[in-house]
């Protein structure tokens, strides 16, 4: 009645009844995506699959994720701490050279803001550009100098005697404070600052804040700042120890650092 060729009918029937050859892969993709709470895009999912011994092309993973409706997330803007020409600014020594050949050569830092139930929480971390690891961090309900100084002391306590990393930041008022700069001088560390109004000069730190808010803050609801503080601590541990990175060959920051130390 439809004028359809017999061979065409049975071919289409066979195709319709055939099992999905990617069904097992889809289940693995969904598992990895769910385990990481929707934080992985197709590139990191591909690396995670390969770490499990699954040899798969990233384009295949991308297509299957599209079919499953698993999409990457949009990245947000950040808090600005610049308050004009307060204190002494430092030169942009880093010059966007975000690669480091060893741990504790180049550090970057900044402050970001969260808003929960009408209250604000501020996070001050320091990152090692060698492997993207968060060396230390501090949180506070107000962006006071102690937030940054406490974070800095935590980070410095992890250095060996001969370690003297350059520390780069924006031109936020905290980093122009004489007390902050005095601590760096006493440790023999060089200070570097982004050019005024140029966020790309501290792109590595900006990228971490974007990931943190996209993968953690915007995917959850918090009833209080205290609950958020606890969550940030857990996320940073996950970020350092479990979250794989493309440029680290599918390893987490801590895995990358400890693997190279072992060799």
Protein backbone atom coordinates (compact mmCIF):
# COMPACT_ATOMS: atom_id res chain seq x y z
CA UNK A 1 0.00 0.00 0.00
CA UNK A 2 2.84 2.39 0.76
CA UNK A 3 4.78 1.42 -2.34
CA UNK A 4 7.81 0.60 -0.18
CA UNK A 5 10.25 -1.98 -1.51
CA UNK A 6 10.26 -5.26 0.45
CA UNK A 7 14.04 -5.10 0.98
CA UNK A 8 13.83 -1.53 2.28
CA UNK A 9 11.09 -2.44 4.74
CA UNK A 10 13.01 -5.34 6.26
CA UNK A 11 16.26 -3.39 6.35
CA UNK A 12 14.63 -0.56 8.31
CA UNK A 13 12.92 -3.07 10.61
CA UNK A 14 16.29 -4.71 11.33
CA UNK A 15 17.92 -1.35 12.07
CA UNK A 16 15.09 -0.36 14.40
CA UNK A 17 15.36 -3.61 16.33
CA UNK A 18 19.17 -3.60 16.53
CA UNK A 19 20.75 -2.88 19.88
CA UNK A 20 22.50 0.47 20.39
CA UNK A 21 26.21 -0.33 19.92
CA UNK A 22 27.09 2.65 22.14
CA UNK A 23 24.78 1.67 25.00
CA UNK A 24 27.62 0.53 27.25
CA UNK A 25 29.62 3.68 26.46
CA UNK A 26 26.61 5.87 27.23
CA UNK A 27 26.21 4.23 30.62
CA UNK A 28 29.88 4.85 31.40
CA UNK A 29 29.59 8.47 30.26
CA UNK A 30 26.52 9.02 32.43
CA UNK A 31 28.27 7.42 35.39
CA UNK A 32 31.38 9.63 35.04
CA UNK A 33 29.25 12.73 34.47
CA UNK A 34 27.11 11.99 37.55
CA UNK A 35 30.09 11.04 39.73
CA UNK A 36 31.60 14.44 39.04
CA UNK A 37 28.23 16.18 39.47
CA UNK A 38 28.02 17.45 35.92
CA UNK A 39 31.40 19.18 36.07
CA UNK A 40 33.06 17.33 33.18
CA UNK A 41 32.79 18.26 29.52
CA UNK A 42 33.45 15.74 26.74
CA UNK A 43 37.24 16.19 26.83
CA UNK A 44 37.56 15.30 30.50
CA UNK A 45 35.00 12.51 30.18
CA UNK A 46 37.15 11.09 27.35
CA UNK A 47 40.24 11.18 29.57
CA UNK A 48 38.34 9.55 32.43
CA UNK A 49 37.22 6.75 30.09
CA UNK A 50 40.78 6.23 28.90
CA UNK A 51 41.97 6.10 32.50
CA UNK A 52 39.53 3.22 32.93
CA UNK A 53 41.09 1.42 29.95
CA UNK A 54 38.41 2.42 27.43
CA UNK A 55 39.98 3.47 24.13
CA UNK A 56 37.51 5.92 22.66
CA UNK A 57 37.68 8.95 20.38
CA UNK A 58 36.74 12.30 21.87
CA UNK A 59 34.38 13.02 18.97
CA UNK A 60 32.44 9.85 19.75
CA UNK A 61 32.13 10.93 23.38
CA UNK A 62 31.02 14.40 22.27
CA UNK A 63 28.28 12.94 20.04
CA UNK A 64 27.01 10.58 22.73
CA UNK A 65 26.96 13.33 25.35
CA UNK A 66 24.96 15.50 22.96
CA UNK A 67 22.44 12.68 22.52
CA UNK A 68 22.21 12.29 26.30
CA UNK A 69 21.77 16.04 26.80
CA UNK A 70 24.95 16.35 28.87
CA UNK A 71 26.27 19.81 28.10
CA UNK A 72 29.13 21.96 29.31
CA UNK A 73 28.30 24.89 31.57
CA UNK A 74 28.70 28.66 31.16
CA UNK A 75 31.38 30.42 33.19
CA UNK A 76 30.68 33.43 35.44
CA UNK A 77 32.26 36.79 36.24
CA UNK A 78 34.35 37.54 39.33
CA UNK A 79 34.58 39.88 42.28
CA UNK A 80 36.82 42.96 41.86
CA UNK A 81 38.93 44.23 44.75
CA UNK A 82 40.64 47.22 43.12
CA UNK A 83 40.04 50.41 45.12
CA UNK A 84 42.27 52.91 43.37
CA UNK A 85 45.88 53.95 43.93
CA UNK A 86 46.24 52.65 47.49
CA UNK A 87 49.69 51.56 48.63
CA UNK A 88 52.48 50.44 46.34
CA UNK A 89 51.88 48.49 43.12
CA UNK A 90 54.36 45.96 41.76
CA UNK A 91 55.44 45.37 38.17
CA UNK A 92 53.86 42.69 36.04
CA UNK A 93 56.79 40.30 36.30
CA UNK A 94 54.74 37.20 35.40
CA UNK A 95 53.88 38.62 31.95
CA UNK A 96 51.20 35.92 31.38
CA UNK A 97 53.83 33.18 31.51
CA UNK A 98 51.49 30.72 33.20
CA UNK A 99 53.76 27.68 32.82
CA UNK A 100 56.19 26.54 35.53
CA UNK A 101 58.83 23.82 35.24
CA UNK A 102 58.65 22.78 38.89
CA UNK A 103 56.47 23.17 41.96
CA UNK A 104 56.72 26.37 44.03
CA UNK A 105 58.24 28.51 41.28
CA UNK A 106 55.18 30.58 40.35
CA UNK A 107 52.10 31.19 42.48
CA UNK A 108 48.98 33.23 41.69
CA UNK A 109 46.28 34.52 44.02
CA UNK A 110 43.09 36.59 44.10
CA UNK A 111 39.86 37.03 46.07
CA UNK A 112 36.36 36.09 44.93
CA UNK A 113 32.92 36.72 46.40
CA UNK A 114 29.85 34.52 47.00
CA UNK A 115 26.36 35.62 48.00
CA UNK A 116 24.15 33.28 50.05
CA UNK A 117 20.83 34.19 51.67
CA UNK A 118 21.71 37.88 51.76
CA UNK A 119 25.15 37.23 53.28
CA UNK A 120 28.52 37.33 51.53
CA UNK A 121 31.47 34.99 51.76
CA UNK A 122 34.94 35.74 50.43
CA UNK A 123 37.49 33.17 49.31
CA UNK A 124 41.23 33.81 49.08
CA UNK A 125 43.26 30.93 47.56
CA UNK A 126 46.79 30.64 46.21
CA UNK A 127 47.50 28.38 43.22
CA UNK A 128 50.73 26.79 42.04
CA UNK A 129 51.07 27.29 38.28
CA UNK A 130 53.11 24.10 37.98
CA UNK A 131 50.09 21.82 38.33
CA UNK A 132 47.16 24.12 39.12
CA UNK A 133 47.02 22.87 42.71
CA UNK A 134 45.42 25.07 45.37
CA UNK A 135 48.28 25.33 47.86
CA UNK A 136 46.24 27.06 50.57
CA UNK A 137 43.02 29.04 51.00
CA UNK A 138 41.06 31.03 53.54
CA UNK A 139 37.42 32.15 53.76
CA UNK A 140 35.80 35.02 55.65
CA UNK A 141 32.50 36.89 55.77
CA UNK A 142 34.24 40.22 55.17
CA UNK A 143 37.07 41.05 52.71
CA UNK A 144 39.46 42.17 55.45
CA UNK A 145 43.25 42.02 55.29
CA UNK A 146 43.38 39.04 57.67
CA UNK A 147 41.64 36.96 54.98
CA UNK A 148 44.66 37.36 52.70
CA UNK A 149 47.38 37.39 55.36
CA UNK A 150 46.07 34.18 56.95
CA UNK A 151 45.96 32.46 53.56
CA UNK A 152 49.50 33.63 52.83
CA UNK A 153 50.85 32.28 56.12
CA UNK A 154 49.22 28.90 55.42
CA UNK A 155 50.82 28.78 51.98
CA UNK A 156 54.27 29.82 53.23
CA UNK A 157 54.22 27.12 55.90
CA UNK A 158 54.25 24.51 53.11
CA UNK A 159 57.43 25.79 51.49
CA UNK A 160 60.84 24.21 51.90
CA UNK A 161 63.76 26.40 52.96
CA UNK A 162 65.01 26.98 49.42
CA UNK A 163 61.57 27.59 47.86
CA UNK A 164 60.98 31.22 46.92
CA UNK A 165 58.08 31.37 44.45
CA UNK A 166 57.06 34.49 42.62
CA UNK A 167 53.58 35.51 43.82
CA UNK A 168 51.30 37.20 41.28
CA UNK A 169 47.99 38.95 41.97
CA UNK A 170 45.85 41.75 40.63
CA UNK A 171 46.15 45.28 42.02
CA UNK A 172 43.64 44.66 44.82
CA UNK A 173 44.15 46.78 47.91
CA UNK A 174 45.15 43.76 50.02
CA UNK A 175 48.21 43.08 47.88
CA UNK A 176 49.31 46.72 47.99
CA UNK A 177 49.37 46.76 51.78
CA UNK A 178 52.83 47.31 53.33
CA UNK A 179 52.26 44.39 55.72
CA UNK A 180 51.59 41.98 52.83
CA UNK A 181 54.60 43.17 50.87
CA UNK A 182 56.80 42.98 53.97
CA UNK A 183 55.96 39.28 54.44
CA UNK A 184 57.03 38.57 50.86
CA UNK A 185 60.30 40.48 51.26
CA UNK A 186 61.11 38.64 54.47
CA UNK A 187 60.70 35.34 52.61
CA UNK A 188 62.79 36.57 49.67
CA UNK A 189 59.82 36.26 47.31
CA UNK A 190 59.25 38.42 44.25
CA UNK A 191 55.87 40.14 43.95
CA UNK A 192 54.11 40.53 40.61
CA UNK A 193 50.85 42.33 39.78
CA UNK A 194 48.53 42.47 36.80
CA UNK A 195 48.26 45.70 34.91
CA UNK A 196 45.39 47.86 36.10
CA UNK A 197 42.04 46.68 34.74
CA UNK A 198 43.53 43.75 32.83
CA UNK A 199 42.04 40.49 34.11
CA UNK A 200 43.86 38.42 31.48
CA UNK A 201 47.14 39.04 33.31
CA UNK A 202 45.81 36.75 36.06
CA UNK A 203 43.89 34.39 33.80
CA UNK A 204 44.93 31.21 35.63
CA UNK A 205 43.30 32.35 38.86
CA UNK A 206 40.29 33.69 36.98
CA UNK A 207 39.89 30.28 35.38
CA UNK A 208 39.89 28.51 38.75
CA UNK A 209 37.18 30.82 40.11
CA UNK A 210 35.08 30.20 37.00
CA UNK A 211 35.43 26.43 37.40
CA UNK A 212 34.67 26.59 41.13
CA UNK A 213 31.49 28.59 40.64
CA UNK A 214 30.33 26.70 37.56
CA UNK A 215 30.98 23.22 38.90
CA UNK A 216 30.12 23.78 42.55
CA UNK A 217 28.41 27.02 43.55
CA UNK A 218 25.84 27.30 40.76
CA UNK A 219 24.95 23.60 40.86
CA UNK A 220 23.96 23.62 44.53
CA UNK A 221 21.69 25.51 46.90
CA UNK A 222 23.00 26.71 50.27
CA UNK A 223 20.93 27.69 53.27
CA UNK A 224 23.78 29.49 55.03
CA UNK A 225 27.31 30.80 54.60
CA UNK A 226 28.55 28.12 57.00
CA UNK A 227 27.16 25.42 54.72
CA UNK A 228 28.91 27.07 51.77
CA UNK A 229 32.23 27.19 53.67
CA UNK A 230 32.05 23.46 54.32
CA UNK A 231 31.21 22.81 50.67
CA UNK A 232 34.12 24.93 49.41
CA UNK A 233 36.54 22.96 51.57
CA UNK A 234 35.24 19.67 50.14
CA UNK A 235 35.29 20.96 46.57
CA UNK A 236 38.89 22.20 46.78
CA UNK A 237 39.95 18.79 48.11
CA UNK A 238 38.14 17.22 45.14
CA UNK A 239 39.75 19.74 42.76
CA UNK A 240 43.25 18.99 44.05
CA UNK A 241 43.02 15.21 44.46
CA UNK A 242 40.35 13.85 42.09
CA UNK A 243 39.45 16.27 39.29
CA UNK A 244 41.50 15.37 36.23
CA UNK A 245 42.92 18.08 33.95
CA UNK A 246 43.58 17.93 30.23
CA UNK A 247 46.98 19.62 30.37
CA UNK A 248 48.09 17.26 33.16
CA UNK A 249 47.59 14.23 30.88
CA UNK A 250 44.41 13.11 32.59
CA UNK A 251 45.75 13.38 36.14
CA UNK A 252 44.61 15.51 39.06
CA UNK A 253 47.01 18.20 40.35
CA UNK A 254 48.12 16.11 43.32
CA UNK A 255 48.47 12.97 41.20
CA UNK A 256 50.62 14.88 38.73
CA UNK A 257 52.89 16.30 41.41
CA UNK A 258 53.33 13.06 43.35
CA UNK A 259 53.81 10.96 40.18
CA UNK A 260 56.70 13.13 39.02
CA UNK A 261 58.24 13.14 42.50
CA UNK A 262 58.12 9.33 42.51
CA UNK A 263 60.04 9.19 39.21
